[in-house]
Amino acid sequence: MDREDGDKHSTSTSSASVSTLWTRLISSELQHVQNDAQLSSRLFNKQVINSKKINQYTVKANSTKASASFYYRIVSYIDESATNDLRRIISFIHELGSGNVSMKSSKKAQYYRELGNDLFKQGNFTASATAYRTGLLHAPNAYFFPSNHQNKQGEFCLEGALLHGNLSAVLAVQRLWSSCLEEVFTALELHLSITNLENFSKNSSIQRLKTRLNKCCQHLNLSTKLIDWDHDVTLNKLLQIHCSVIAKLNEKNKTVMKKWEIPTPKYQHNLQYYGLSNGVRVDQTNEKGRHVIATESFEPGDIIAVEPAGGWITHPNSNHNNNNNHNNFKYLLLLPSQRMNQCSQCFSQLNSIGFVCPYCCDTAYCHLSSDCNYHQSCRERKNSAYLYEDFQQPVWHLAECRFMFLLNSIGLGHLCYRLAWLRQSYPDAQEASLFSIDQLVEHFNEFPVEELFEYALTGWLISKLLSYNSNNSNNDNKINLKSTENENELIQGLWCFDTLRRLQCNAHAVTEIQTDYPDLKACLPNTFNVSMDDMKEIYPFVRRLKQTRIATGLFPCVSLLNHSCDPNIIHNFENSLIVLRCLKTILPGSEVLNCYGPHYLHYPSSYERLSLLKQQYFFICNCQHCTTSTLDSKLSNQLSTKPTDEMLNQWKQAVDKLLSIPWESIHSLDKLKTAIQSVQQAGTLPSTNYWWPLNDTLGSLFDTIGRQYLIHSKLLQKRQSTSDQDTNNNNNDKPNWLFIQNAGLWCLKSSVQWVHLNFDTISCEYLWELINLLHISIHYFGQFDLIQLNLPSEFTMLDGFINKKDDSIGVILSSKDALLCEIKRLSTLLYGLNKSQMIIEQFVNK
């Protein structure tokens, strides 16, 4: 399982809006202390302060004397002699909390809209939609509020109207009709709020929205006469119709949604460690610390652990019944780079956006017809004009909304702030007897004093933010610089100081299966000109599946599993739960092992794996792939030579030649075979940095050129058909699209075979390859029943040339039915029956 990685204080993200303020401040403060030898000596030590006060803080924060002593020294330093830059943070907190700092920006919204327009023209529709959604997060008044309309603030709605309209255009291309319809309504409402009816009927953008609305209604089996455009259309009437459509879409969603039930571990729950199965126990030794041992046998697919974010302790009154109320998404932190793509309330993947926070630029919610929002958006609504103004955001977001700029700069500290706020808001949960976050090892002795100093500063900052919120709820929104005079602040800060270290060693990266669409034009040679219609047709051929990291969470019981670079379990996430399933047979007495990130199949260098694990988790891995001397010796010899410019150039030339093969005018198997051999020879050159230079494997190259062959074949079919109709003759010199089609299918099947041989047969990588092959085939042949996976003998004779002969995979790839059967079997083992059905519906059938 991927654990949280990267810099401790700044969450890795592609979002340019994430602040580095706190990272710069603590770096400057650390430098200030290190430059003063006397101050450094006083602060940078782990000596215990023996006093009644320290003992009290230790007990109340569930801490240790050593940790409490260190934190108290740092807080005393801040009170007495910290730099002015750090001390000014108090004023900044007051300024942010006042609400006088506006985070919305029409200029940023316009920037992302224009970026989305450029990406749309390039055929990169997924990235275009992301840009438009990002723009909506930044746009002032991106939804209709009667108060804004009455106060004549409607002119600021134009950017939002354009963004909603442009996003609807992308969703129409992607054939996401429900989402498209909601975006069209929102765009029309904003346009109508800022223009008169005469201009409304003449505006070309609005005319396109009308056409798009009718198209959505046709695909959704809704009346195309929802709105009588020939008569006066009032804003209130439009909002009423919007509400009625939302109700109809919600009913449609209910008919296809299945009730979700919390999975149950094999052998039921362990009463002491409720997140784990009763078929395991938790042992502790000096060598391994706490670890999990099987007391019963588990086979692939068996559930070993089920735990909500924050642990079962966050449900003290639930009696752990299986119902749908255990979605503790508030205990998960959505990454800044995903906040335009995922609902902040239920973490569902967003196509359209139902609502955004009117104050910050980091919070978006599901479309209004979703179960997530429908209960508050339309049910028993008396006044449709207040469709958006009455939207109720989660209370935990209101507690951090004003401080998002600052919280985004402290990385894991943001999750720590959330956990601390929830802890003080729901104190009863802390009295439960279940295993909790506080019982995880906090590793005080393992951390260097410089890192402890940085964590102590971050804990102090979080305590100030919590204090501001607490005082604000009591109508006293002032906080003081000095923390040593405020016992509650000291206890909160000390708890955060310890929790930050627990998060570094135990936080899990929450991932989701998502589609990835690269830039279409980047997949085509410069000599190939394609129209927008061409791009829409070949768009499905570039889709890939990937595990995308979307959030961070802490799962206390699951954190007890030790690491192996070759684990025997696999995890996935169902709503806010983490579910661990057996990957390989586990016998009684065997240790249940997780992977903290560096898997040996993805990090073949044992030196690199050991370095990563030692740096973040403070242990040396002793799994077979890190301790087997023969493997290390072989690997060392293979990777002993640093790649020269000549080696890298040889690799680049071989890859470029291979990637150009699908687009050549004359095709032959001999040319393809020669190009592959050149890549194989270059890819086995010794290198200290790469198993395959530039991180391209032969499998990924097969996948790439297979897609390009099929794109070329599809375009040739279309153009040759048009040309033959125009000239009434066939030119035998034209490229043979059928040969190109078969070459593409052979390459894609070879990619599957390569992954099957180089990864475990029960693996996500193998499953994704199978799904990709079936998805591309469905879109290429048009109908599932017409898919032809059997190839002419001239291609099948090449199978042994690339891969070791594997009869089992040959049977699986022989027909569409066998392929689909293998996908169902594998996805059920890895993800369970319910999620397997979702995967097939979302990534195969759509």
Foldseek 3Di string as FASTA:
>chain_A
DAADDDDLFFHDAPDPLADQVLVVQLVVQLVVQVVDVVSCVQQFDQDFDDDPLLVVLCVLLVHDRSLSRNLVSLLVCLVPPTDPSLLCVQVVLVVLVVLPDFQADLVQLVVLQVVLVVLVQLLNLVSSLLSLLLSCLRQFCLFFAVVCLVVVVLVSNQSSLSSLLVLLVSCVLVVVLVQSLLSLLRSLLSVPSNDPLVVCVVDPSNVVSLVSNLVSCVVVVHDNPLDDSVDDDHSQNSLVSSLVVLQVVLVVVVVPDDFDWFDAAVCGADPQARQFHPQWDWDADPAQGTFIFGQAKAAQQGWGGKAFFQGPLVVQPPPPDIHDPRQPLLLWFFAQNCQSQAASQQRHGESHFCDHPNGGSRHTHHNCSDPRHVVPQHPPDPGSSCSPVRGDDDPLCVLCVSPSNVLNNRHVLVSLLSVLLVCVVCVVSVPDSYDGLSPDDLCPVVDRSSVLSSLSSSLLVSLSSSVQSVCVVVVGRRDDSNPVVPSSSSSSSSSSSSSSSSSLQFKRFAWDKDKDFDRPVVLDDPVDDDDSVLSSLLRLLRIFIDIGRTIIGGGPSVSSHAADLAFQWAWHDDRRMIIIGGNHMRRGRDTHHDHNNNRCLLVVQLVVVQVSCCVRNNDGDDHCSNPVPVSNVVLCVLQVDADDPVLVVQLVVLLVQQSCQLVDFDHDVVSNLVSLVSNVVSQSHHHNPDNGPPPDDLLNSLSSSLSSLLSVLLVCVVVQVVVCVVVVDDDPSGRDSVVSNLSSLLSLLLSLQVCPVSDPVLDPVNLRSLLSSLQSQCSSQVHQVRRAQDHDPVSVVCSVVRDPDDVVSVVCSHHSVSSVVSSLVSCCSRPNNVVSVVCCVPRRVD
